Structure formats: C-alpha cells, structure tokens
Amino acid sequence: MARKGRAARESGPLPPPLPPERRTVGQLVAESIRLYARNFWATLGLGLGPAGLALAGTFVGRTDQVLLTVAGGAIVLGACYALACGIAAGQRPPREVLLSAWGTAVIVWIPAPLLAIVFVLPALAWLALVGLAVPAAVAERLSIRQAISRGIQLGRTDYIHAFGSLAALTIVVFLTQSVLYFLLRTGSEQAARVSLFLANLVISPVLFLGAALLYEDQAARFRVQSGPRPERSRDADLPDALDPDRPGSSHASVESRPAAGGQP
C-alpha cells in the first residue's frame, strides 16, 4: 500500500486537458466519460431510450426491428441527444429550444439506420457531417433549418476529427456494452433481456455526451480557421535604402574595404 502511494506521489497530478481546438480523439472520449461521472444520476436517464429500444427489438422480427430503429430511434434517441446537449453545455435550455433541437435530431437521424444497413461507416460519415446540428440548435438557439446549415458548416471544418471521434465513441460504447452484457447474462432468455437493458442503460449516455462535446471541438476549430490572420510586413526588418533621414550610411551593412595601394 505504501509503495502504491509513493508511486502515485511520484507520478504527480495529471496534465491539464487540451483546449477544444486542439483536443484529440482520445481526450474527447476521456472527457465524455469524465462528464458522465460528474453528472451520473442526471445523465443516467439518457440511457432509458436506447435501453427501451434494445429491449423492444428482442420481441419483434428483423423487418420490424428496422422500422423500430428508424421511427423509434428518430423520436427517442433524438430526444436523448437534445437533452445530452443541454447537460454538456451546463445549462437548462428553454422548452422551445429543446423542441427545435428534437426536431433537428429527428431529421438528422432518419437516414442513419438506412445507411447502417449497408455498413456502419456510412451512417457515421453522415452523422459526422450533419449531426452537430443538434448541439448547435441548443447552444446557439437556432431554428431547424439554421441548425442543419450550421451543423454541416461545423462538420466540414475538421471532418476527419468529427468522423474519428464518432467512430471512437461508437467502438468504446459497443465494446463496453458487449462486455457488460456477457458478464450479466446468466443463460435464460429473460436474463439476457435484462442484461441487454442494463448494459444499454448504463453505457449509452457516453455516446450522447461525447457527440455533444464534439460540438465544442468543431466550433473552436471553426473560430480558429475563420479568425483574422496576422498580416506579414512587406519590408519585414530590412533597412530602407531610400530613407535619407535614417542614421548611418545608406550602405551601413556593407563593410568598408581599403582601396588599392593601402590608401583608405
């Protein structure tokens, strides 16, 4: 125990997190988990939507699962995402702002399950391009049309970071849910459903919070890219040979050499 305490003291405190405009994908995932831990009980309710959809999917067939994911996902997951954006922003948005963000999330979500039927990457590519419209609607108080336009603008600012962040969050959440599901599962069908519900309930909020924090990264990157750039001076530090009033000779930078014959 003493050895562990000494090792902890030697390691020192963790370095401060990078600002949003320079935050990496791994740090975004870590900040999402940290935000979840700070607001655990307030955020845990965000997992009720994905958990309920996952549980309902075990009672229907394959075709109905697709319809449930498209329709139910747009309504339920859109509401969870809008609420997560308010938690990440540290504010309680008015009802009309949440309704606008919810409507934006419904429009943004509908193509995602259809793209995921082919492969999950096209769905992530779509959400990386347009998905930031939902936190933009919450943070900037935008209408649905303005939010979608703003979301595309932010998604294109640093698309690789947006796509990589969503892919990393999806992988972390999927793997953690799978491990928790198999740990809780005891063999019976009813126990498997309970395990599926609990795994989605506890882990899925990280995905919503991470997507909401991604808005801060992209907005900061957009401000940096669109901000004024310092102008370069044309003459820099070069001496002005045409200035007759400046001190020294007009050829001060050239050393005087003795003339031929040794005369100065």
C-alpha atoms as a PDB file:
ATOM      1  CA  MET A   1       0.000   0.000   0.000  1.00  0.00           C
ATOM      2  CA  ALA A   2       2.824   2.378   0.900  1.00  0.00           C
ATOM      3  CA  ARG A   3       4.545   1.533  -2.389  1.00  0.00           C
ATOM      4  CA  LYS A   4       1.397   2.405  -4.334  1.00  0.00           C
ATOM      5  CA  GLY A   5       1.041   5.713  -2.504  1.00  0.00           C
ATOM      6  CA  ARG A   6       4.675   6.583  -3.183  1.00  0.00           C
ATOM      7  CA  ALA A   7       4.246   5.753  -6.869  1.00  0.00           C
ATOM      8  CA  ALA A   8       1.173   7.961  -7.040  1.00  0.00           C
ATOM      9  CA  ARG A   9       3.045  10.871  -5.461  1.00  0.00           C
ATOM     10  CA  GLU A  10       5.982  10.440  -7.812  1.00  0.00           C
ATOM     11  CA  SER A  11       3.750  10.431 -10.853  1.00  0.00           C
ATOM     12  CA  GLY A  12       2.291  13.818  -9.875  1.00  0.00           C
ATOM     13  CA  PRO A  13      -1.017  15.313 -10.994  1.00  0.00           C
ATOM     14  CA  LEU A  14      -2.382  14.702 -14.450  1.00  0.00           C
ATOM     15  CA  PRO A  15      -1.644  17.374 -17.048  1.00  0.00           C
ATOM     16  CA  PRO A  16      -4.480  19.781 -17.800  1.00  0.00           C
ATOM     17  CA  PRO A  17      -6.698  18.844 -20.751  1.00  0.00           C
ATOM     18  CA  LEU A  18      -6.055  20.422 -24.106  1.00  0.00           C
ATOM     19  CA  PRO A  19      -8.344  23.238 -25.252  1.00  0.00           C
ATOM     20  CA  PRO A  20     -11.207  22.173 -27.559  1.00  0.00           C
ATOM     21  CA  GLU A  21      -9.493  23.453 -30.712  1.00  0.00           C
ATOM     22  CA  ARG A  22      -6.565  21.073 -30.076  1.00  0.00           C
ATOM     23  CA  ARG A  23      -8.357  18.224 -28.316  1.00  0.00           C
ATOM     24  CA  THR A  24      -7.572  14.769 -29.679  1.00  0.00           C
ATOM     25  CA  VAL A  25      -9.995  11.913 -30.280  1.00  0.00           C
ATOM     26  CA  GLY A  26      -8.771  10.001 -27.238  1.00  0.00           C
ATOM     27  CA  GLN A  27      -9.115  13.023 -24.988  1.00  0.00           C
ATOM     28  CA  LEU A  28     -12.636  13.635 -26.258  1.00  0.00           C
ATOM     29  CA  VAL A  29     -13.577  10.105 -25.188  1.00  0.00           C
ATOM     30  CA  ALA A  30     -11.939  10.660 -21.803  1.00  0.00           C
ATOM     31  CA  GLU A  31     -13.724  13.999 -21.310  1.00  0.00           C
ATOM     32  CA  SER A  32     -17.040  12.332 -22.193  1.00  0.00           C
ATOM     33  CA  ILE A  33     -16.522   9.690 -19.517  1.00  0.00           C
ATOM     34  CA  ARG A  34     -15.456  12.350 -17.010  1.00  0.00           C
ATOM     35  CA  LEU A  35     -18.563  14.423 -17.765  1.00  0.00           C
ATOM     36  CA  TYR A  36     -20.704  11.323 -17.314  1.00  0.00           C
ATOM     37  CA  ALA A  37     -19.101  10.628 -13.935  1.00  0.00           C
ATOM     38  CA  ARG A  38     -19.672  14.211 -12.743  1.00  0.00           C
ATOM     39  CA  ASN A  39     -23.372  14.105 -13.709  1.00  0.00           C
ATOM     40  CA  PHE A  40     -24.070  10.407 -13.253  1.00  0.00           C
ATOM     41  CA  TRP A  41     -27.597  10.468 -11.852  1.00  0.00           C
ATOM     42  CA  ALA A  42     -28.753  13.300 -14.093  1.00  0.00           C
ATOM     43  CA  THR A  43     -27.258  11.586 -17.139  1.00  0.00           C
ATOM     44  CA  LEU A  44     -28.269   8.004 -16.398  1.00  0.00           C
ATOM     45  CA  GLY A  45     -31.800   8.732 -17.586  1.00  0.00           C
ATOM     46  CA  LEU A  46     -30.456   9.310 -21.093  1.00  0.00           C
ATOM     47  CA  GLY A  47     -29.878   5.582 -21.312  1.00  0.00           C
ATOM     48  CA  LEU A  48     -33.559   4.753 -20.867  1.00  0.00           C
ATOM     49  CA  GLY A  49     -34.270   5.492 -24.538  1.00  0.00           C
ATOM     50  CA  PRO A  50     -31.614   3.209 -26.072  1.00  0.00           C
ATOM     51  CA  ALA A  51     -32.268   0.551 -23.426  1.00  0.00           C
ATOM     52  CA  GLY A  52     -36.007   0.552 -24.164  1.00  0.00           C
ATOM     53  CA  LEU A  53     -35.419   0.315 -27.913  1.00  0.00           C
ATOM     54  CA  ALA A  54     -32.943  -2.532 -27.479  1.00  0.00           C
ATOM     55  CA  LEU A  55     -35.382  -4.406 -25.266  1.00  0.00           C
ATOM     56  CA  ALA A  56     -38.292  -3.839 -27.656  1.00  0.00           C
ATOM     57  CA  GLY A  57     -36.176  -5.131 -30.528  1.00  0.00           C
ATOM     58  CA  THR A  58     -35.955  -8.565 -28.882  1.00  0.00           C
ATOM     59  CA  PHE A  59     -39.737  -9.052 -29.218  1.00  0.00           C
ATOM     60  CA  VAL A  60     -40.086  -8.268 -32.936  1.00  0.00           C
ATOM     61  CA  GLY A  61     -38.754  -9.684 -36.183  1.00  0.00           C
ATOM     62  CA  ARG A  62     -35.987  -8.441 -38.413  1.00  0.00           C
ATOM     63  CA  THR A  63     -38.172  -6.182 -40.575  1.00  0.00           C
ATOM     64  CA  ASP A  64     -39.899  -4.675 -37.566  1.00  0.00           C
ATOM     65  CA  GLN A  65     -36.529  -4.045 -35.961  1.00  0.00           C
ATOM     66  CA  VAL A  66     -35.545  -1.830 -38.885  1.00  0.00           C
ATOM     67  CA  LEU A  67     -38.801   0.114 -38.640  1.00  0.00           C
ATOM     68  CA  LEU A  68     -38.383   0.384 -34.882  1.00  0.00           C
ATOM     69  CA  THR A  69     -34.841   1.702 -35.276  1.00  0.00           C
ATOM     70  CA  VAL A  70     -35.819   4.272 -37.905  1.00  0.00           C
ATOM     71  CA  ALA A  71     -39.038   5.588 -36.372  1.00  0.00           C
ATOM     72  CA  GLY A  72     -38.463   4.904 -32.700  1.00  0.00           C
ATOM     73  CA  GLY A  73     -34.810   5.852 -32.918  1.00  0.00           C
ATOM     74  CA  ALA A  74     -35.603   9.187 -34.519  1.00  0.00           C
ATOM     75  CA  ILE A  75     -38.080  10.097 -31.786  1.00  0.00           C
ATOM     76  CA  VAL A  76     -36.494   8.527 -28.706  1.00  0.00           C
ATOM     77  CA  LEU A  77     -32.796   8.868 -29.481  1.00  0.00           C
ATOM     78  CA  GLY A  78     -33.357  12.373 -30.839  1.00  0.00           C
ATOM     79  CA  ALA A  79     -34.850  13.432 -27.514  1.00  0.00           C
ATOM     80  CA  CYS A  80     -31.956  11.850 -25.597  1.00  0.00           C
ATOM     81  CA  TYR A  81     -29.408  13.632 -27.785  1.00  0.00           C
ATOM     82  CA  ALA A  82     -31.109  17.001 -27.327  1.00  0.00           C
ATOM     83  CA  LEU A  83     -31.129  16.571 -23.547  1.00  0.00           C
ATOM     84  CA  ALA A  84     -27.488  15.481 -23.561  1.00  0.00           C
ATOM     85  CA  CYS A  85     -26.545  18.674 -25.403  1.00  0.00           C
ATOM     86  CA  GLY A  86     -28.071  20.715 -22.594  1.00  0.00           C
ATOM     87  CA  ILE A  87     -26.119  18.738 -19.977  1.00  0.00           C
ATOM     88  CA  ALA A  88     -22.847  19.140 -21.896  1.00  0.00           C
ATOM     89  CA  ALA A  89     -23.449  22.879 -22.247  1.00  0.00           C
ATOM     90  CA  GLY A  90     -24.079  23.172 -18.498  1.00  0.00           C
ATOM     91  CA  GLN A  91     -27.453  24.836 -18.942  1.00  0.00           C
ATOM     92  CA  ARG A  92     -31.138  24.085 -18.952  1.00  0.00           C
ATOM     93  CA  PRO A  93     -32.435  25.276 -22.337  1.00  0.00           C
ATOM     94  CA  PRO A  94     -35.979  26.598 -22.690  1.00  0.00           C
ATOM     95  CA  ARG A  95     -38.664  24.261 -23.913  1.00  0.00           C
ATOM     96  CA  GLU A  96     -38.870  25.789 -27.374  1.00  0.00           C
ATOM     97  CA  VAL A  97     -35.107  25.363 -27.837  1.00  0.00           C
ATOM     98  CA  LEU A  98     -35.326  21.700 -26.850  1.00  0.00           C
ATOM     99  CA  LEU A  99     -38.236  21.177 -29.240  1.00  0.00           C
ATOM    100  CA  SER A 100     -36.247  22.741 -32.070  1.00  0.00           C
ATOM    101  CA  ALA A 101     -33.240  20.540 -31.241  1.00  0.00           C
ATOM    102  CA  TRP A 102     -35.511  17.492 -31.045  1.00  0.00           C
ATOM    103  CA  GLY A 103     -36.999  18.212 -34.465  1.00  0.00           C
ATOM    104  CA  THR A 104     -33.499  18.690 -35.862  1.00  0.00           C
ATOM    105  CA  ALA A 105     -32.388  15.362 -34.367  1.00  0.00           C
ATOM    106  CA  VAL A 106     -35.353  13.550 -35.940  1.00  0.00           C
ATOM    107  CA  ILE A 107     -34.462  14.857 -39.402  1.00  0.00           C
ATOM    108  CA  VAL A 108     -30.772  14.096 -38.944  1.00  0.00           C
ATOM    109  CA  TRP A 109     -31.336  10.576 -37.592  1.00  0.00           C
ATOM    110  CA  ILE A 110     -33.735   9.158 -40.216  1.00  0.00           C
ATOM    111  CA  PRO A 111     -31.097   8.415 -42.919  1.00  0.00           C
ATOM    112  CA  ALA A 112     -28.620   6.929 -40.404  1.00  0.00           C
ATOM    113  CA  PRO A 113     -30.266   3.495 -39.807  1.00  0.00           C
ATOM    114  CA  LEU A 114     -30.883   3.084 -43.522  1.00  0.00           C
ATOM    115  CA  LEU A 115     -27.210   3.731 -44.204  1.00  0.00           C
ATOM    116  CA  ALA A 116     -26.222   1.399 -41.364  1.00  0.00           C
ATOM    117  CA  ILE A 117     -27.998  -1.492 -43.104  1.00  0.00           C
ATOM    118  CA  VAL A 118     -25.220  -1.459 -45.691  1.00  0.00           C
ATOM    119  CA  PHE A 119     -22.421  -0.810 -43.179  1.00  0.00           C
ATOM    120  CA  VAL A 120     -21.992   1.244 -40.043  1.00  0.00           C
ATOM    121  CA  LEU A 121     -19.333   3.541 -41.518  1.00  0.00           C
ATOM    122  CA  PRO A 122     -21.674   5.333 -43.970  1.00  0.00           C
ATOM    123  CA  ALA A 123     -24.015   6.069 -41.068  1.00  0.00           C
ATOM    124  CA  LEU A 124     -21.147   7.503 -39.019  1.00  0.00           C
ATOM    125  CA  ALA A 125     -19.992   9.535 -42.014  1.00  0.00           C
ATOM    126  CA  TRP A 126     -23.466  11.051 -42.323  1.00  0.00           C
ATOM    127  CA  LEU A 127     -23.722  11.852 -38.624  1.00  0.00           C
ATOM    128  CA  ALA A 128     -20.235  13.379 -38.593  1.00  0.00           C
ATOM    129  CA  LEU A 129     -21.294  15.733 -41.375  1.00  0.00           C
ATOM    130  CA  VAL A 130     -24.767  16.729 -40.135  1.00  0.00           C
ATOM    131  CA  GLY A 131     -25.076  15.506 -36.539  1.00  0.00           C
ATOM    132  CA  LEU A 132     -23.635  18.633 -34.947  1.00  0.00           C
ATOM    133  CA  ALA A 133     -26.802  20.458 -35.956  1.00  0.00           C
ATOM    134  CA  VAL A 134     -28.459  19.248 -32.740  1.00  0.00           C
ATOM    135  CA  PRO A 135     -25.987  20.764 -30.235  1.00  0.00           C
ATOM    136  CA  ALA A 136     -25.823  23.852 -32.453  1.00  0.00           C
ATOM    137  CA  ALA A 137     -29.584  24.250 -32.092  1.00  0.00           C
ATOM    138  CA  VAL A 138     -29.221  24.091 -28.293  1.00  0.00           C
ATOM    139  CA  ALA A 139     -26.119  26.246 -27.844  1.00  0.00           C
ATOM    140  CA  GLU A 140     -26.886  28.891 -30.480  1.00  0.00           C
ATOM    141  CA  ARG A 141     -30.707  28.935 -30.228  1.00  0.00           C
ATOM    142  CA  LEU A 142     -31.204  28.158 -33.928  1.00  0.00           C
ATOM    143  CA  SER A 143     -34.237  27.052 -35.892  1.00  0.00           C
ATOM    144  CA  ILE A 144     -34.263  23.645 -37.552  1.00  0.00           C
ATOM    145  CA  ARG A 145     -33.163  24.981 -40.932  1.00  0.00           C
ATOM    146  CA  GLN A 146     -30.460  27.190 -39.450  1.00  0.00           C
ATOM    147  CA  ALA A 147     -29.236  24.367 -37.211  1.00  0.00           C
ATOM    148  CA  ILE A 148     -28.817  21.929 -40.100  1.00  0.00           C
ATOM    149  CA  SER A 149     -26.892  24.520 -42.097  1.00  0.00           C
ATOM    150  CA  ARG A 150     -24.709  25.274 -39.086  1.00  0.00           C
ATOM    151  CA  GLY A 151     -24.168  21.566 -38.412  1.00  0.00           C
ATOM    152  CA  ILE A 152     -22.883  20.994 -41.951  1.00  0.00           C
ATOM    153  CA  GLN A 153     -20.604  24.006 -41.588  1.00  0.00           C
ATOM    154  CA  LEU A 154     -19.117  22.655 -38.366  1.00  0.00           C
ATOM    155  CA  GLY A 155     -18.872  19.117 -39.685  1.00  0.00           C
ATOM    156  CA  ARG A 156     -16.834  20.272 -42.664  1.00  0.00           C
ATOM    157  CA  THR A 157     -14.473  22.353 -40.519  1.00  0.00           C
ATOM    158  CA  ASP A 158     -12.392  19.349 -39.429  1.00  0.00           C
ATOM    159  CA  TYR A 159     -14.258  16.384 -40.837  1.00  0.00           C
ATOM    160  CA  ILE A 160     -11.538  13.861 -40.010  1.00  0.00           C
ATOM    161  CA  HIS A 161     -11.703  14.787 -36.324  1.00  0.00           C
ATOM    162  CA  ALA A 162     -15.513  14.631 -36.304  1.00  0.00           C
ATOM    163  CA  PHE A 163     -15.646  11.260 -38.053  1.00  0.00           C
ATOM    164  CA  GLY A 164     -12.822   9.786 -35.983  1.00  0.00           C
ATOM    165  CA  SER A 165     -14.391  10.966 -32.727  1.00  0.00           C
ATOM    166  CA  LEU A 166     -17.776   9.435 -33.511  1.00  0.00           C
ATOM    167  CA  ALA A 167     -16.131   6.200 -34.640  1.00  0.00           C
ATOM    168  CA  ALA A 168     -14.059   6.007 -31.448  1.00  0.00           C
ATOM    169  CA  LEU A 169     -17.077   6.719 -29.247  1.00  0.00           C
ATOM    170  CA  THR A 170     -19.116   4.074 -31.062  1.00  0.00           C
ATOM    171  CA  ILE A 171     -16.390   1.453 -30.677  1.00  0.00           C
ATOM    172  CA  VAL A 172     -15.877   2.209 -26.975  1.00  0.00           C
ATOM    173  CA  VAL A 173     -19.599   2.119 -26.216  1.00  0.00           C
ATOM    174  CA  PHE A 174     -20.212  -1.046 -28.266  1.00  0.00           C
ATOM    175  CA  LEU A 175     -17.330  -2.980 -26.722  1.00  0.00           C
ATOM    176  CA  THR A 176     -18.166  -1.893 -23.189  1.00  0.00           C
ATOM    177  CA  GLN A 177     -21.819  -2.786 -23.644  1.00  0.00           C
ATOM    178  CA  SER A 178     -20.876  -6.186 -25.040  1.00  0.00           C
ATOM    179  CA  VAL A 179     -18.571  -6.966 -22.107  1.00  0.00           C
ATOM    180  CA  LEU A 180     -21.165  -5.849 -19.559  1.00  0.00           C
ATOM    181  CA  TYR A 181     -23.891  -7.813 -21.335  1.00  0.00           C
ATOM    182  CA  PHE A 182     -21.943 -11.082 -21.245  1.00  0.00           C
ATOM    183  CA  LEU A 183     -20.951 -10.513 -17.627  1.00  0.00           C
ATOM    184  CA  LEU A 184     -24.561 -10.025 -16.526  1.00  0.00           C
ATOM    185  CA  ARG A 185     -26.068 -12.732 -18.695  1.00  0.00           C
ATOM    186  CA  THR A 186     -26.795 -15.958 -16.784  1.00  0.00           C
ATOM    187  CA  GLY A 187     -28.253 -18.183 -19.501  1.00  0.00           C
ATOM    188  CA  SER A 188     -32.028 -17.759 -19.617  1.00  0.00           C
ATOM    189  CA  GLU A 189     -33.763 -15.638 -22.247  1.00  0.00           C
ATOM    190  CA  GLN A 190     -35.286 -13.358 -19.633  1.00  0.00           C
ATOM    191  CA  ALA A 191     -31.890 -12.785 -18.007  1.00  0.00           C
ATOM    192  CA  ALA A 192     -30.407 -11.992 -21.413  1.00  0.00           C
ATOM    193  CA  ARG A 193     -33.031  -9.307 -21.985  1.00  0.00           C
ATOM    194  CA  VAL A 194     -32.435  -7.796 -18.564  1.00  0.00           C
ATOM    195  CA  SER A 195     -28.681  -7.793 -19.220  1.00  0.00           C
ATOM    196  CA  LEU A 196     -29.208  -6.104 -22.583  1.00  0.00           C
ATOM    197  CA  PHE A 197     -31.395  -3.452 -20.990  1.00  0.00           C
ATOM    198  CA  LEU A 198     -28.934  -2.711 -18.169  1.00  0.00           C
ATOM    199  CA  ALA A 199     -25.912  -2.602 -20.479  1.00  0.00           C
ATOM    200  CA  ASN A 200     -27.590  -0.033 -22.721  1.00  0.00           C
ATOM    201  CA  LEU A 201     -28.920   1.931 -19.764  1.00  0.00           C
ATOM    202  CA  VAL A 202     -25.518   2.401 -18.123  1.00  0.00           C
ATOM    203  CA  ILE A 203     -23.182   2.786 -21.112  1.00  0.00           C
ATOM    204  CA  SER A 204     -25.125   4.508 -23.916  1.00  0.00           C
ATOM    205  CA  PRO A 205     -25.143   8.013 -22.293  1.00  0.00           C
ATOM    206  CA  VAL A 206     -21.414   8.267 -23.033  1.00  0.00           C
ATOM    207  CA  LEU A 207     -22.189   8.311 -26.760  1.00  0.00           C
ATOM    208  CA  PHE A 208     -24.664  11.186 -26.444  1.00  0.00           C
ATOM    209  CA  LEU A 209     -22.360  13.232 -24.226  1.00  0.00           C
ATOM    210  CA  GLY A 210     -19.374  12.632 -26.491  1.00  0.00           C
ATOM    211  CA  ALA A 211     -21.300  13.780 -29.551  1.00  0.00           C
ATOM    212  CA  ALA A 212     -22.377  16.896 -27.647  1.00  0.00           C
ATOM    213  CA  LEU A 213     -18.784  17.674 -26.605  1.00  0.00           C
ATOM    214  CA  LEU A 214     -17.691  17.234 -30.210  1.00  0.00           C
ATOM    215  CA  TYR A 215     -19.643  20.401 -30.982  1.00  0.00           C
ATOM    216  CA  GLU A 216     -17.265  22.383 -28.746  1.00  0.00           C
ATOM    217  CA  ASP A 217     -14.256  20.968 -30.605  1.00  0.00           C
ATOM    218  CA  GLN A 218     -15.609  21.783 -34.044  1.00  0.00           C
ATOM    219  CA  ALA A 219     -16.895  25.232 -33.036  1.00  0.00           C
ATOM    220  CA  ALA A 220     -13.478  26.137 -31.595  1.00  0.00           C
ATOM    221  CA  ARG A 221     -11.738  24.876 -34.723  1.00  0.00           C
ATOM    222  CA  PHE A 222     -14.115  26.903 -36.874  1.00  0.00           C
ATOM    223  CA  ARG A 223     -13.345  30.079 -34.913  1.00  0.00           C
ATOM    224  CA  VAL A 224      -9.619  29.488 -35.338  1.00  0.00           C
ATOM    225  CA  GLN A 225      -9.890  28.878 -39.076  1.00  0.00           C
ATOM    226  CA  SER A 226     -12.227  31.786 -39.749  1.00  0.00           C
ATOM    227  CA  GLY A 227     -10.481  34.260 -37.441  1.00  0.00           C
ATOM    228  CA  PRO A 228      -8.279  37.112 -38.716  1.00  0.00           C
ATOM    229  CA  ARG A 229      -4.775  36.140 -39.703  1.00  0.00           C
ATOM    230  CA  PRO A 230      -1.801  38.404 -38.932  1.00  0.00           C
ATOM    231  CA  GLU A 231      -0.566  40.243 -41.988  1.00  0.00           C
ATOM    232  CA  ARG A 232       3.050  39.880 -42.953  1.00  0.00           C
ATOM    233  CA  SER A 233       5.008  43.101 -43.299  1.00  0.00           C
ATOM    234  CA  ARG A 234       6.293  43.608 -46.791  1.00  0.00           C
ATOM    235  CA  ASP A 235       9.623  45.079 -45.717  1.00  0.00           C
ATOM    236  CA  ALA A 236       9.930  42.986 -42.506  1.00  0.00           C
ATOM    237  CA  ASP A 237      13.183  44.050 -40.799  1.00  0.00           C
ATOM    238  CA  LEU A 238      15.061  45.066 -43.940  1.00  0.00           C
ATOM    239  CA  PRO A 239      16.651  48.536 -43.894  1.00  0.00           C
ATOM    240  CA  ASP A 240      15.069  51.167 -46.047  1.00  0.00           C
ATOM    241  CA  ALA A 241      17.723  52.258 -48.556  1.00  0.00           C
ATOM    242  CA  LEU A 242      15.554  55.136 -49.784  1.00  0.00           C
ATOM    243  CA  ASP A 243      15.189  56.791 -46.382  1.00  0.00           C
ATOM    244  CA  PRO A 244      17.676  59.679 -46.366  1.00  0.00           C
ATOM    245  CA  ASP A 245      16.965  60.643 -42.766  1.00  0.00           C
ATOM    246  CA  ARG A 246      17.771  57.339 -41.124  1.00  0.00           C
ATOM    247  CA  PRO A 247      21.027  57.224 -39.102  1.00  0.00           C
ATOM    248  CA  GLY A 248      24.144  55.748 -40.630  1.00  0.00           C
ATOM    249  CA  SER A 249      25.245  55.296 -44.171  1.00  0.00           C
ATOM    250  CA  SER A 250      22.933  54.030 -46.831  1.00  0.00           C
ATOM    251  CA  HIS A 251      25.329  51.078 -47.122  1.00  0.00           C
ATOM    252  CA  ALA A 252      25.862  50.525 -43.427  1.00  0.00           C
ATOM    253  CA  SER A 253      25.528  46.801 -43.779  1.00  0.00           C
ATOM    254  CA  VAL A 254      28.490  46.677 -46.199  1.00  0.00           C
ATOM    255  CA  GLU A 255      31.916  46.718 -44.568  1.00  0.00           C
ATOM    256  CA  SER A 256      34.320  49.383 -45.862  1.00  0.00           C
ATOM    257  CA  ARG A 257      37.340  47.951 -47.570  1.00  0.00           C
ATOM    258  CA  PRO A 258      40.721  49.685 -48.063  1.00  0.00           C
ATOM    259  CA  ALA A 259      41.388  50.986 -51.517  1.00  0.00           C
ATOM    260  CA  ALA A 260      44.165  49.679 -53.714  1.00  0.00           C
ATOM    261  CA  GLY A 261      47.626  50.662 -52.584  1.00  0.00           C
ATOM    262  CA  GLY A 262      46.724  50.669 -48.941  1.00  0.00           C
ATOM    263  CA  GLN A 263      45.047  54.119 -49.041  1.00  0.00           C
ATOM    264  CA  PRO A 264      41.763  54.341 -47.109  1.00  0.00           C
END
